[in-house]
Amino acid sequence: MLFFIKVLCNLAEKFKVIMKVNLLTGVFISAFSTIVHAQSQEVFNSPLNISIHASGNFGELRGTHFHTGLDIKTQQRIGLPVYAPADGFVSRIKVSTWGYGKALYIDHPNGQTTVYGHLDSYAGDIAKLVLDRHYSENNFEIEIFPRKNELAVKKGQIIAYTGNTGGSGGPHLHYEFRDTKTQNIINPLREGLDKLLTDTQAPTINGLYVYPVGSDASANENETPTQLSYVTQKDGSLLASPVKGRGDLSFGIDIHDTANFNTNKNGVYMVETSVNGKPLFSYKFDLFSFNETGFVNALVDYERYLSTKKKVQRLFYDKPYALSVLTVDANKGVFNVKSGQNYNYTIVLSDYHGNKTTIKIPVEYSSAVAKTKKTIPTGEYKINSDRDYIFEKNKVTVSIPAKAFYNDFLMDMSVDNEVLKLHKPVVPVAKSMSITFDTSGMTIANRDKSFIARVDGGKRDYFKTTKKGNLWTIYTKSFGDYKIIADENAPTIDKASFTEGQWLSNESEISFLVRDDISGIDTINGYINGNWILLDFDYKTRKILHKFSDGKVVSGRNDVVIKVKDNVGNEGVYESHFFRG
């Protein structure tokens, strides 16, 4: 038998063919395939030399997207070494004020790319390349695509240090796997990190809701979604209070998962639903693409989320949407409650380690008249989400592309006193709409410093405004109120870490705070003795910082100039000097 396996392996290696075999030889081919897979599968080490605990996991429901990686806790510390988990080469480096902040991308021979986000700094030759590029471009925000093997890394090599840059809410390492060719995102737990996490904790249900979906549907004498209670049974499963209803029904659920030694409320890996044993609606977060991340707003009860901040996942949909992790039956996750029949609706929640929580919901028919009626939607325009539209009122034009919304609805639009009131921000928008103001005839005191802003709810949100004569246009993914406002105030620069003329012989850096409250900061530039200097900018703290290790500070007097421009060109300037021995 061993001889036969060796022969098969040699043949497969020599001729690279797929062999058709009978049942007997198929056993040997299966064993051969397993061996080859094991040999080609890269073994990834941990990127950190500490215990692995997740503050966020793959597929977790965030405010505007599904989370694309594993957020690894760094003991609330900045500056822990990040190690290459496998051999490879640096394929991309991006330093941004937003998003992943300082990020690093490594391509590996097995066809996967690992991504490291919110870094504080880079290491070795990577750090040198980044610093050189900052100064060659005179810019904090840079993006580099090194040539293949220009920056080769070996497993275990220090490549960077953990931080809190970009859109990070606290020190951690965002760790991500991608298919290098397709850029599809892969669950890091599939790549060995599951073995580094201790998890014996089953997912938790925070709230359970019944949804009457059909026009004549009701549940527990309500035509609107209502919350259900439930109890724990002897076997550990949950049993919900009975639902008495009729017509098309489904459910919604607010859930989270956690792990041992971890209090963070993370996402749930897999959800499965069935009625009387028939599968209805399920998902499993193994892999998805970046263009699917916005579908989080289709999965959750968006209006409830806006009012309560609870992410109740609707276990059905009105219109199908292209989220590849979903498996939904022909009835869109809904079932019809008919007279004389009883139903058992089951939800099973599973984490990646196989811990499960099951809840059963008994459903029976009831002809009782609903005491709480549905609110009849109102709106001037009936929107079919599969179509595109152009609306024009009082010199304001709104253009909406097809598939800009997940569902059909009734939309309101009005223009009064040069303010566009575009529906209410209770409908998620998947694609950008354009809004154009014809400013001819409008009294705008300072056109150069004016822009279209969203102003509902006390906001003054800046939008980049393209001006072609009197036609001013923005693109937005938000409903709300829009008008033209001006920003004539320059940004401020204060809270310097030194006083004018101070000796800084023992210091390693200088810092300032910057602010702009209307249009927002566009560019930040600093100079020492007339030479441009790199200033790290953290928008969360408004802090800009220059490290003396860059070698731009001289012995003796150093003259400092900081220039900050906002998005309409107002400039704030700070000038001072310090001494260094």
Protein backbone atom coordinates (compact mmCIF):
# COMPACT_ATOMS: atom_id res chain seq x y z
CA MET A 1 0.00 0.00 0.00
CA LEU A 2 2.78 2.42 0.91
CA PHE A 3 4.47 1.67 -2.43
CA PHE A 4 1.23 2.44 -4.30
CA ILE A 5 0.86 5.81 -2.52
CA LYS A 6 4.43 6.72 -3.48
CA VAL A 7 3.71 5.83 -7.12
CA LEU A 8 0.60 8.01 -7.15
CA CYS A 9 2.49 10.92 -5.61
CA ASN A 10 5.28 10.61 -8.18
CA LEU A 11 2.81 10.48 -11.07
CA ALA A 12 0.88 13.50 -9.83
CA GLU A 13 4.09 15.48 -9.35
CA LYS A 14 5.49 14.48 -12.75
CA PHE A 15 2.45 14.90 -14.97
CA LYS A 16 0.35 17.41 -12.94
CA VAL A 17 -2.86 15.65 -13.97
CA ILE A 18 -6.18 14.99 -12.32
CA MET A 19 -6.86 11.25 -12.37
CA LYS A 20 -10.27 9.62 -12.62
CA VAL A 21 -10.26 6.69 -10.26
CA ASN A 22 -12.63 4.08 -8.99
CA LEU A 23 -13.84 3.95 -5.43
CA LEU A 24 -10.83 1.93 -4.22
CA THR A 25 -8.09 4.11 -5.67
CA GLY A 26 -10.09 7.21 -4.70
CA VAL A 27 -9.16 6.50 -1.12
CA PHE A 28 -5.47 6.85 -2.00
CA ILE A 29 -6.03 10.01 -4.09
CA SER A 30 -7.90 11.57 -1.15
CA ALA A 31 -4.96 10.83 1.12
CA PHE A 32 -2.57 12.24 -1.51
CA SER A 33 -4.62 15.46 -1.80
CA THR A 34 -4.52 15.93 1.96
CA ILE A 35 -0.74 15.53 1.96
CA VAL A 36 -0.25 18.02 -0.88
CA HIS A 37 -2.60 20.53 0.78
CA ALA A 38 -0.73 20.27 4.05
CA GLN A 39 2.58 20.83 2.29
CA SER A 40 1.35 23.89 0.36
CA GLN A 41 -0.55 25.44 3.26
CA GLU A 42 1.56 28.16 4.89
CA VAL A 43 1.84 27.94 8.66
CA PHE A 44 1.50 31.43 10.09
CA ASN A 45 2.94 32.35 13.46
CA SER A 46 1.34 34.95 15.71
CA PRO A 47 2.24 38.55 14.76
CA LEU A 48 2.62 39.43 18.46
CA ASN A 49 4.64 37.88 21.27
CA ILE A 50 1.79 38.14 23.79
CA SER A 51 -1.39 36.21 24.55
CA ILE A 52 -3.98 36.74 21.83
CA HIS A 53 -7.27 38.33 22.86
CA ALA A 54 -9.64 39.95 20.38
CA SER A 55 -11.28 43.32 20.88
CA GLY A 56 -12.99 42.84 17.50
CA ASN A 57 -13.42 39.84 15.21
CA PHE A 58 -14.03 39.03 11.57
CA GLY A 59 -17.46 39.97 10.23
CA GLU A 60 -18.36 41.93 13.33
CA LEU A 61 -21.10 44.49 12.73
CA ARG A 62 -19.62 47.97 12.82
CA GLY A 63 -21.45 51.26 12.23
CA THR A 64 -20.97 51.33 8.45
CA HIS A 65 -19.32 48.01 7.57
CA PHE A 66 -18.53 44.43 8.47
CA HIS A 67 -15.17 44.24 10.22
CA THR A 68 -12.50 42.83 7.92
CA GLY A 69 -9.97 41.37 10.34
CA LEU A 70 -9.08 40.49 13.90
CA ASP A 71 -8.40 43.34 16.31
CA ILE A 72 -5.79 42.01 18.72
CA LYS A 73 -5.47 43.66 22.12
CA THR A 74 -2.05 45.07 22.94
CA GLN A 75 -2.50 45.37 26.71
CA GLN A 76 -3.48 49.04 26.22
CA ARG A 77 0.10 49.66 25.15
CA ILE A 78 1.71 51.29 22.11
CA GLY A 79 5.02 50.12 20.69
CA LEU A 80 4.85 46.33 20.97
CA PRO A 81 6.93 44.60 18.26
CA VAL A 82 4.99 43.18 15.32
CA TYR A 83 6.60 40.07 13.81
CA ALA A 84 6.24 38.73 10.28
CA PRO A 85 4.10 35.60 10.74
CA ALA A 86 5.63 33.97 7.64
CA ASP A 87 8.14 34.65 4.88
CA GLY A 88 7.12 37.14 2.23
CA PHE A 89 7.74 40.61 0.89
CA VAL A 90 6.26 44.04 1.56
CA SER A 91 3.81 44.82 -1.24
CA ARG A 92 2.23 48.02 0.02
CA ILE A 93 2.72 50.67 2.70
CA LYS A 94 0.12 53.31 3.39
CA VAL A 95 0.23 56.17 5.88
CA SER A 96 -3.13 57.92 6.24
CA THR A 97 -4.79 60.23 8.71
CA TRP A 98 -7.90 58.06 8.51
CA GLY A 99 -8.82 54.38 8.23
CA TYR A 100 -5.97 52.02 9.08
CA GLY A 101 -3.62 54.91 9.85
CA LYS A 102 -0.13 53.52 9.39
CA ALA A 103 -0.60 50.21 7.57
CA LEU A 104 1.64 47.50 6.15
CA TYR A 105 0.86 44.77 3.58
CA ILE A 106 2.94 41.60 3.11
CA ASP A 107 2.46 39.13 0.24
CA HIS A 108 3.26 35.50 1.03
CA PRO A 109 4.23 32.64 -1.32
CA ASN A 110 0.98 30.76 -0.65
CA GLY A 111 -1.08 33.45 -2.42
CA GLN A 112 -2.23 35.33 0.66
CA THR A 113 -1.58 38.85 1.90
CA THR A 114 -1.43 39.83 5.56
CA VAL A 115 -2.34 43.37 6.60
CA TYR A 116 -1.33 45.25 9.75
CA GLY A 117 -3.28 48.39 10.68
CA HIS A 118 -3.11 51.27 13.19
CA LEU A 119 0.66 50.88 13.58
CA ASP A 120 2.70 53.41 15.52
CA SER A 121 5.83 53.02 13.38
CA TYR A 122 7.73 50.72 11.05
CA ALA A 123 10.97 48.80 11.64
CA GLY A 124 14.33 48.40 9.89
CA ASP A 125 14.55 48.95 6.13
CA ILE A 126 10.78 49.46 5.99
CA ALA A 127 11.06 52.43 8.36
CA LYS A 128 13.90 53.92 6.31
CA LEU A 129 11.93 53.66 3.07
CA VAL A 130 8.89 55.27 4.68
CA LEU A 131 10.87 58.14 6.20
CA ASP A 132 12.66 58.81 2.91
CA ARG A 133 9.33 58.89 1.06
CA HIS A 134 7.79 61.32 3.58
CA TYR A 135 10.63 63.74 2.96
CA SER A 136 10.84 63.24 -0.79
CA GLU A 137 7.12 64.01 -1.11
CA ASN A 138 6.99 66.53 1.77
CA ASN A 139 3.80 64.85 2.90
CA PHE A 140 2.53 62.94 5.94
CA GLU A 141 0.09 60.89 3.86
CA ILE A 142 1.95 58.57 1.52
CA GLU A 143 1.42 55.28 -0.29
CA ILE A 144 4.24 53.02 -1.50
CA PHE A 145 4.13 49.89 -3.67
CA PRO A 146 7.62 48.34 -3.40
CA ARG A 147 8.79 46.07 -6.19
CA LYS A 148 8.46 42.33 -5.59
CA ASN A 149 11.17 41.19 -3.15
CA GLU A 150 12.50 44.75 -2.78
CA LEU A 151 11.65 44.45 0.91
CA ALA A 152 11.74 40.72 1.65
CA VAL A 153 10.86 39.65 5.20
CA LYS A 154 11.52 36.41 7.05
CA LYS A 155 9.24 34.69 9.51
CA GLY A 156 9.82 36.12 12.99
CA GLN A 157 11.39 39.37 11.75
CA ILE A 158 10.25 42.58 13.46
CA ILE A 159 8.39 44.59 10.82
CA ALA A 160 6.61 47.30 12.82
CA TYR A 161 5.32 48.42 16.22
CA THR A 162 1.72 48.51 17.41
CA GLY A 163 -0.11 51.80 17.75
CA ASN A 164 -3.39 53.68 17.76
CA THR A 165 -3.24 55.57 14.45
CA GLY A 166 -6.03 56.30 11.99
CA GLY A 167 -9.59 55.40 12.96
CA SER A 168 -8.54 53.31 15.93
CA GLY A 169 -10.56 53.61 19.12
CA GLY A 170 -7.67 52.50 21.35
CA PRO A 171 -4.29 50.76 21.11
CA HIS A 172 -4.54 47.46 19.22
CA LEU A 173 -3.32 45.65 16.11
CA HIS A 174 -5.73 45.23 13.21
CA TYR A 175 -4.65 41.93 11.61
CA GLU A 176 -6.12 40.88 8.30
CA PHE A 177 -5.79 38.13 5.69
CA ARG A 178 -6.58 38.59 2.00
CA ASP A 179 -6.44 36.50 -1.12
CA THR A 180 -3.61 38.28 -2.95
CA LYS A 181 -5.15 37.82 -6.39
CA THR A 182 -8.81 38.64 -5.69
CA GLN A 183 -8.31 40.80 -2.57
CA ASN A 184 -11.19 38.92 -0.94
CA ILE A 185 -10.93 39.07 2.85
CA ILE A 186 -10.39 35.83 4.80
CA ASN A 187 -11.28 35.07 8.41
CA PRO A 188 -7.93 35.06 10.31
CA LEU A 189 -9.19 32.23 12.53
CA ARG A 190 -9.03 30.00 9.45
CA GLU A 191 -5.30 30.67 9.24
CA GLY A 192 -4.33 29.26 12.63
CA LEU A 193 -5.25 32.07 15.00
CA ASP A 194 -8.14 29.99 16.34
CA LYS A 195 -5.52 27.85 18.10
CA LEU A 196 -4.15 30.91 19.89
CA LEU A 197 -7.53 31.97 21.31
CA THR A 198 -9.14 30.20 24.25
CA ASP A 199 -12.88 30.21 23.75
CA THR A 200 -15.37 28.05 25.62
CA GLN A 201 -18.01 30.80 25.78
CA ALA A 202 -21.16 30.44 23.69
CA PRO A 203 -22.69 33.46 21.92
CA THR A 204 -25.14 35.61 23.87
CA ILE A 205 -28.61 36.85 22.93
CA ASN A 206 -29.29 40.42 24.04
CA GLY A 207 -32.73 40.80 22.51
CA LEU A 208 -35.22 38.86 20.39
CA TYR A 209 -37.91 40.46 18.20
CA VAL A 210 -40.79 39.18 16.09
CA TYR A 211 -41.42 41.01 12.80
CA PRO A 212 -44.83 40.97 11.08
CA VAL A 213 -43.66 41.30 7.48
CA GLY A 214 -46.71 40.97 5.26
CA SER A 215 -49.32 43.67 4.79
CA ASP A 216 -51.93 41.65 6.71
CA ALA A 217 -49.53 40.10 9.23
CA SER A 218 -49.64 40.50 13.01
CA ALA A 219 -47.91 38.92 16.00
CA ASN A 220 -49.14 39.01 19.59
CA GLU A 221 -51.79 41.51 18.51
CA ASN A 222 -49.24 43.87 16.99
CA GLU A 223 -48.57 44.81 13.38
CA THR A 224 -45.21 46.31 14.40
CA PRO A 225 -42.05 44.49 15.60
CA THR A 226 -42.19 43.59 19.30
CA GLN A 227 -39.63 42.17 21.71
CA LEU A 228 -40.00 38.64 23.07
CA SER A 229 -38.97 37.21 26.42
CA TYR A 230 -37.29 33.83 26.86
CA VAL A 231 -36.08 31.43 29.55
CA THR A 232 -33.18 29.01 29.88
CA GLN A 233 -34.13 25.32 29.84
CA LYS A 234 -32.44 22.44 31.67
CA ASP A 235 -30.40 21.45 28.61
CA GLY A 236 -29.00 25.00 28.33
CA SER A 237 -31.07 25.96 25.29
CA LEU A 238 -33.42 28.93 25.35
CA LEU A 239 -37.19 28.89 24.92
CA ALA A 240 -39.00 32.05 23.84
CA SER A 241 -42.48 33.05 24.88
CA PRO A 242 -45.04 31.81 22.33
CA VAL A 243 -45.92 33.95 19.34
CA LYS A 244 -49.55 34.06 18.32
CA GLY A 245 -49.97 35.56 14.90
CA ARG A 246 -50.94 35.27 11.28
CA GLY A 247 -49.54 36.05 7.85
CA ASP A 248 -45.88 36.41 6.92
CA LEU A 249 -43.60 36.55 9.97
CA SER A 250 -39.91 36.48 10.72
CA PHE A 251 -37.56 37.50 13.50
CA GLY A 252 -34.73 39.81 14.45
CA ILE A 253 -31.98 39.24 16.98
CA ASP A 254 -29.44 41.32 18.88
CA ILE A 255 -26.41 39.15 19.67
CA HIS A 256 -22.74 39.16 20.57
CA ASP A 257 -19.92 36.73 21.27
CA THR A 258 -16.98 36.78 23.61
CA ALA A 259 -14.16 34.46 24.69
CA ASN A 260 -12.28 33.42 27.80
CA PHE A 261 -10.37 36.20 29.60
CA ASN A 262 -12.20 38.74 27.42
CA THR A 263 -15.12 41.04 28.17
CA ASN A 264 -15.36 42.56 24.67
CA LYS A 265 -18.65 42.04 22.88
CA ASN A 266 -17.62 40.73 19.46
CA GLY A 267 -19.52 39.48 16.42
CA VAL A 268 -21.04 36.01 15.97
CA TYR A 269 -19.44 33.74 13.39
CA MET A 270 -22.51 31.81 12.24
CA VAL A 271 -26.29 32.18 12.48
CA GLU A 272 -28.74 29.54 11.25
CA THR A 273 -32.54 29.67 11.29
CA SER A 274 -35.22 27.13 10.44
CA VAL A 275 -38.96 26.60 10.81
CA ASN A 276 -40.12 23.06 11.49
CA GLY A 277 -36.67 21.89 10.40
CA LYS A 278 -36.68 23.75 7.07
CA PRO A 279 -33.72 26.16 6.65
CA LEU A 280 -34.71 29.78 6.10
CA PHE A 281 -31.91 32.30 6.63
CA SER A 282 -28.27 31.80 7.60
CA TYR A 283 -24.81 33.28 7.34
CA LYS A 284 -21.24 32.22 8.09
CA PHE A 285 -18.33 34.66 8.07
CA ASP A 286 -15.45 32.83 6.39
CA LEU A 287 -14.75 35.11 3.44
CA PHE A 288 -16.26 38.12 1.67
CA SER A 289 -15.21 40.98 -0.60
CA PHE A 290 -14.69 44.64 0.22
CA ASN A 291 -17.64 45.75 -1.92
CA GLU A 292 -19.92 43.78 0.41
CA THR A 293 -18.97 45.49 3.67
CA GLY A 294 -21.69 48.15 3.38
CA PHE A 295 -24.39 45.49 3.42
CA VAL A 296 -24.25 45.67 7.21
CA ASN A 297 -26.87 48.42 6.82
CA ALA A 298 -29.13 46.02 4.94
CA LEU A 299 -28.72 43.25 7.51
CA VAL A 300 -29.54 45.33 10.57
CA ASP A 301 -32.80 47.07 11.41
CA TYR A 302 -31.32 50.41 10.38
CA GLU A 303 -33.98 52.72 11.76
CA ARG A 304 -33.92 50.93 15.13
CA TYR A 305 -30.13 51.20 15.15
CA LEU A 306 -30.27 54.96 14.60
CA SER A 307 -32.71 55.46 17.48
CA THR A 308 -31.39 52.87 19.99
CA LYS A 309 -27.83 52.01 18.80
CA LYS A 310 -28.85 48.34 19.03
CA LYS A 311 -27.75 46.25 16.04
CA VAL A 312 -30.80 44.02 15.65
CA GLN A 313 -30.15 41.69 12.73
CA ARG A 314 -33.21 41.07 10.59
CA LEU A 315 -33.32 37.36 9.76
CA PHE A 316 -35.06 38.06 6.45
CA TYR A 317 -34.95 40.66 3.70
CA ASP A 318 -37.43 42.64 1.62
CA LYS A 319 -35.26 42.65 -1.50
CA PRO A 320 -32.28 40.34 -2.04
CA TYR A 321 -28.85 41.91 -1.68
CA ALA A 322 -25.53 40.47 -2.84
CA LEU A 323 -23.96 39.52 0.50
CA SER A 324 -22.13 36.28 -0.27
CA VAL A 325 -22.10 34.97 3.32
CA LEU A 326 -25.91 34.70 3.26
CA THR A 327 -27.95 31.62 2.42
CA VAL A 328 -31.65 32.46 2.16
CA ASP A 329 -34.63 30.37 1.04
CA ALA A 330 -37.01 31.37 -1.76
CA ASN A 331 -39.34 33.10 0.71
CA LYS A 332 -36.58 35.54 1.78
CA GLY A 333 -36.39 34.16 5.32
CA VAL A 334 -40.12 34.67 5.94
CA PHE A 335 -42.72 31.98 6.70
CA ASN A 336 -46.50 32.16 6.52
CA VAL A 337 -48.56 31.35 9.61
CA LYS A 338 -51.76 29.62 8.55
CA SER A 339 -54.91 28.71 10.43
CA GLY A 340 -54.83 25.38 12.23
CA GLN A 341 -51.03 24.98 12.07
CA ASN A 342 -48.28 25.32 14.65
CA TYR A 343 -44.65 26.16 13.95
CA ASN A 344 -41.32 25.82 15.73
CA TYR A 345 -38.85 28.53 14.68
CA THR A 346 -35.25 27.81 15.71
CA ILE A 347 -32.16 30.04 15.77
CA VAL A 348 -28.71 28.52 16.30
CA LEU A 349 -25.75 30.81 17.01
CA SER A 350 -22.22 29.41 16.69
CA ASP A 351 -18.76 30.83 17.24
CA TYR A 352 -15.69 29.65 15.34
CA HIS A 353 -14.73 27.24 18.12
CA GLY A 354 -18.06 25.41 17.91
CA ASN A 355 -19.74 26.86 21.00
CA LYS A 356 -23.48 27.14 20.32
CA THR A 357 -26.56 28.88 21.65
CA THR A 358 -29.97 27.65 20.52
CA ILE A 359 -33.30 29.38 20.99
CA LYS A 360 -36.67 27.94 20.00
CA ILE A 361 -39.73 30.07 19.37
CA PRO A 362 -43.15 28.36 19.28
CA VAL A 363 -45.55 30.02 16.83
CA GLU A 364 -49.28 29.36 16.49
CA TYR A 365 -52.06 30.88 14.44
CA SER A 366 -54.27 33.59 15.92
CA SER A 367 -57.02 35.59 14.25
CA ALA A 368 -57.04 38.21 17.01
CA VAL A 369 -57.39 41.78 15.81
CA ALA A 370 -54.14 43.73 16.18
CA LYS A 371 -54.26 46.44 18.83
CA THR A 372 -51.15 48.21 17.51
CA LYS A 373 -51.33 49.10 13.83
CA LYS A 374 -48.48 49.74 11.40
CA THR A 375 -47.63 53.33 10.68
CA ILE A 376 -48.58 54.00 7.07
CA PRO A 377 -45.48 55.39 5.33
CA THR A 378 -45.76 58.76 3.67
CA GLY A 379 -43.68 60.44 1.03
CA GLU A 380 -43.99 62.41 -2.17
CA TYR A 381 -41.99 60.06 -4.38
CA LYS A 382 -42.28 56.28 -4.66
CA ILE A 383 -38.71 55.02 -5.01
CA ASN A 384 -37.95 51.73 -6.74
CA SER A 385 -34.41 50.90 -5.61
CA ASP A 386 -33.66 49.22 -8.94
CA ARG A 387 -34.10 52.48 -10.86
CA ASP A 388 -32.19 55.74 -11.13
CA TYR A 389 -33.85 59.10 -10.59
CA ILE A 390 -33.33 62.83 -11.13
CA PHE A 391 -35.37 65.27 -9.04
CA GLU A 392 -35.29 69.05 -9.38
CA LYS A 393 -36.87 71.70 -7.16
CA ASN A 394 -36.17 75.41 -6.80
CA LYS A 395 -32.77 75.24 -8.51
CA VAL A 396 -31.61 72.16 -6.58
CA THR A 397 -31.10 68.86 -8.42
CA VAL A 398 -30.73 65.46 -6.76
CA SER A 399 -29.47 62.56 -8.91
CA ILE A 400 -29.85 59.03 -7.53
CA PRO A 401 -28.25 56.01 -9.24
CA ALA A 402 -29.90 52.60 -9.46
CA LYS A 403 -29.20 50.34 -6.46
CA ALA A 404 -28.56 53.35 -4.24
CA PHE A 405 -30.96 51.84 -1.68
CA TYR A 406 -31.55 48.34 -0.38
CA ASN A 407 -35.35 48.54 -0.40
CA ASP A 408 -38.20 50.46 -2.01
CA PHE A 409 -39.69 53.34 -0.01
CA LEU A 410 -41.51 56.67 -0.17
CA MET A 411 -39.19 59.68 -0.25
CA ASP A 412 -39.73 63.33 0.63
CA MET A 413 -37.81 66.24 -0.87
CA SER A 414 -38.35 69.97 -0.47
CA VAL A 415 -36.34 73.18 -0.92
CA ASP A 416 -37.23 76.14 1.27
CA ASN A 417 -35.15 79.27 1.85
CA GLU A 418 -32.29 77.71 -0.13
CA VAL A 419 -32.20 74.68 2.20
CA LEU A 420 -32.63 71.23 0.68
CA LYS A 421 -34.54 68.88 2.96
CA LEU A 422 -33.82 65.45 1.50
CA HIS A 423 -35.95 62.89 3.33
CA LYS A 424 -34.94 61.80 6.83
CA PRO A 425 -31.67 59.98 7.64
CA VAL A 426 -33.52 56.75 8.51
CA VAL A 427 -32.89 55.00 5.18
CA PRO A 428 -29.41 53.57 4.52
CA VAL A 429 -27.79 54.71 1.28
CA ALA A 430 -25.55 52.24 -0.58
CA LYS A 431 -24.34 54.44 -3.46
CA SER A 432 -23.50 58.13 -3.55
CA MET A 433 -26.18 60.57 -4.66
CA SER A 434 -25.23 63.89 -6.24
CA ILE A 435 -26.71 67.17 -5.06
CA THR A 436 -26.33 70.27 -7.26
CA PHE A 437 -27.23 73.81 -6.26
CA ASP A 438 -27.71 76.35 -9.04
CA THR A 439 -26.31 79.38 -7.20
CA SER A 440 -27.30 81.96 -9.81
CA GLY A 441 -29.50 84.46 -8.04
CA MET A 442 -28.33 83.32 -4.58
CA THR A 443 -26.71 85.89 -2.32
CA ILE A 444 -23.38 84.36 -1.26
CA ALA A 445 -21.07 86.90 0.37
CA ASN A 446 -17.83 84.95 -0.05
CA ARG A 447 -18.07 82.36 -2.79
CA ASP A 448 -14.44 81.25 -2.48
CA LYS A 449 -14.93 80.29 1.16
CA SER A 450 -18.39 78.71 0.79
CA PHE A 451 -19.43 75.08 0.30
CA ILE A 452 -22.43 72.77 0.51
CA ALA A 453 -22.82 71.37 4.03
CA ARG A 454 -25.15 68.97 5.78
CA VAL A 455 -26.77 70.98 8.57
CA ASP A 456 -29.50 68.85 10.16
CA GLY A 457 -29.26 67.93 13.83
CA GLY A 458 -27.01 70.87 14.60
CA LYS A 459 -24.30 69.55 12.27
CA ARG A 460 -22.13 71.50 9.86
CA ASP A 461 -20.59 68.64 7.92
CA TYR A 462 -18.23 69.71 5.14
CA PHE A 463 -18.54 68.18 1.68
CA LYS A 464 -16.01 68.70 -1.08
CA THR A 465 -17.89 71.02 -3.41
CA THR A 466 -17.14 71.05 -7.14
CA LYS A 467 -17.89 74.48 -8.59
CA LYS A 468 -18.55 74.84 -12.32
CA GLY A 469 -19.71 78.42 -12.66
CA ASN A 470 -22.97 78.71 -10.75
CA LEU A 471 -23.44 74.94 -10.50
CA TRP A 472 -22.10 73.59 -7.20
CA THR A 473 -22.13 69.81 -6.69
CA ILE A 474 -21.41 67.33 -3.90
CA TYR A 475 -21.71 63.55 -3.53
CA THR A 476 -23.22 62.07 -0.40
CA LYS A 477 -24.48 58.80 1.10
CA SER A 478 -26.69 60.50 3.67
CA PHE A 479 -30.20 61.87 3.71
CA GLY A 480 -30.69 65.11 5.65
CA ASP A 481 -30.70 68.89 5.27
CA TYR A 482 -28.19 70.61 2.98
CA LYS A 483 -27.38 74.27 2.43
CA ILE A 484 -24.50 76.51 1.39
CA ILE A 485 -22.47 77.94 4.26
CA ALA A 486 -19.21 79.86 4.51
CA ASP A 487 -16.03 79.27 6.52
CA GLU A 488 -13.97 82.42 6.96
CA ASN A 489 -12.13 81.34 10.10
CA ALA A 490 -8.54 80.07 9.92
CA PRO A 491 -7.50 76.91 11.80
CA THR A 492 -5.90 77.37 15.20
CA ILE A 493 -2.52 76.04 16.35
CA ASP A 494 -1.80 76.07 20.07
CA LYS A 495 -0.74 74.06 23.13
CA ALA A 496 2.89 73.87 22.03
CA SER A 497 4.92 71.42 24.09
CA PHE A 498 7.56 74.12 24.67
CA THR A 499 7.72 77.81 25.44
CA GLU A 500 9.40 80.25 23.08
CA GLY A 501 13.17 80.22 23.54
CA GLN A 502 13.16 77.11 25.71
CA TRP A 503 16.16 74.75 25.70
CA LEU A 504 15.11 71.24 24.62
CA SER A 505 18.43 69.40 24.95
CA ASN A 506 16.81 66.46 26.75
CA GLU A 507 13.61 66.30 24.72
CA SER A 508 12.97 63.93 21.82
CA GLU A 509 10.03 65.66 20.14
CA ILE A 510 7.80 68.72 19.92
CA SER A 511 4.01 68.76 19.57
CA PHE A 512 1.03 71.08 19.07
CA LEU A 513 -2.76 70.90 18.95
CA VAL A 514 -4.63 71.99 15.83
CA ARG A 515 -8.33 72.67 15.32
CA ASP A 516 -10.78 73.74 12.64
CA ASP A 517 -14.46 73.65 13.55
CA ILE A 518 -16.21 74.33 10.24
CA SER A 519 -14.77 72.99 6.97
CA GLY A 520 -12.08 70.86 8.63
CA ILE A 521 -8.32 70.55 8.21
CA ASP A 522 -6.94 69.90 4.73
CA THR A 523 -3.14 70.23 4.96
CA ILE A 524 -0.57 70.56 7.73
CA ASN A 525 3.01 71.61 7.03
CA GLY A 526 5.83 72.31 9.44
CA TYR A 527 9.27 73.85 8.94
CA ILE A 528 12.40 74.05 11.08
CA ASN A 529 14.98 76.57 9.92
CA GLY A 530 13.15 76.78 6.60
CA ASN A 531 13.26 73.02 5.96
CA TRP A 532 10.07 70.93 5.75
CA ILE A 533 9.59 68.52 8.68
CA LEU A 534 7.42 65.46 9.10
CA LEU A 535 4.48 66.00 11.46
CA ASP A 536 2.47 62.96 12.56
CA PHE A 537 -1.21 63.93 12.86
CA ASP A 538 -3.78 62.14 15.04
CA TYR A 539 -7.21 63.59 14.24
CA LYS A 540 -8.74 61.96 17.34
CA THR A 541 -6.59 64.00 19.72
CA ARG A 542 -5.89 66.88 17.22
CA LYS A 543 -2.20 66.42 18.03
CA ILE A 544 0.66 66.99 15.58
CA LEU A 545 4.11 65.76 16.56
CA HIS A 546 7.66 65.98 15.19
CA LYS A 547 10.38 63.57 16.31
CA PHE A 548 13.92 64.90 16.59
CA SER A 549 15.21 61.51 15.42
CA ASP A 550 14.44 62.65 11.87
CA GLY A 551 17.64 64.69 12.07
CA LYS A 552 16.18 68.07 11.08
CA VAL A 553 16.96 69.86 14.35
CA VAL A 554 20.38 71.55 14.70
CA SER A 555 22.46 72.57 17.69
CA GLY A 556 21.64 76.06 18.85
CA ARG A 557 18.60 78.03 17.73
CA ASN A 558 15.79 76.32 15.78
CA ASP A 559 13.07 78.43 14.19
CA VAL A 560 9.70 76.68 13.92
CA VAL A 561 6.84 77.54 11.55
CA ILE A 562 3.58 75.53 11.44
CA LYS A 563 1.04 76.19 8.66
CA VAL A 564 -2.43 74.62 8.71
CA LYS A 565 -4.98 75.08 5.92
CA ASP A 566 -8.64 74.17 6.09
CA ASN A 567 -10.70 72.75 3.23
CA VAL A 568 -11.61 76.16 1.80
CA GLY A 569 -8.10 77.62 1.95
CA ASN A 570 -8.05 79.56 5.22
CA GLU A 571 -4.55 79.27 6.73
CA GLY A 572 -3.42 79.46 10.32
CA VAL A 573 0.28 80.12 11.02
CA TYR A 574 2.30 79.54 14.19
CA GLU A 575 5.87 80.80 14.62
CA SER A 576 8.28 80.25 17.49
CA HIS A 577 11.79 79.01 18.26
CA PHE A 578 13.66 76.80 20.70
CA PHE A 579 17.28 75.92 21.44
CA ARG A 580 18.95 72.54 21.52
CA GLY A 581 22.38 71.63 22.76
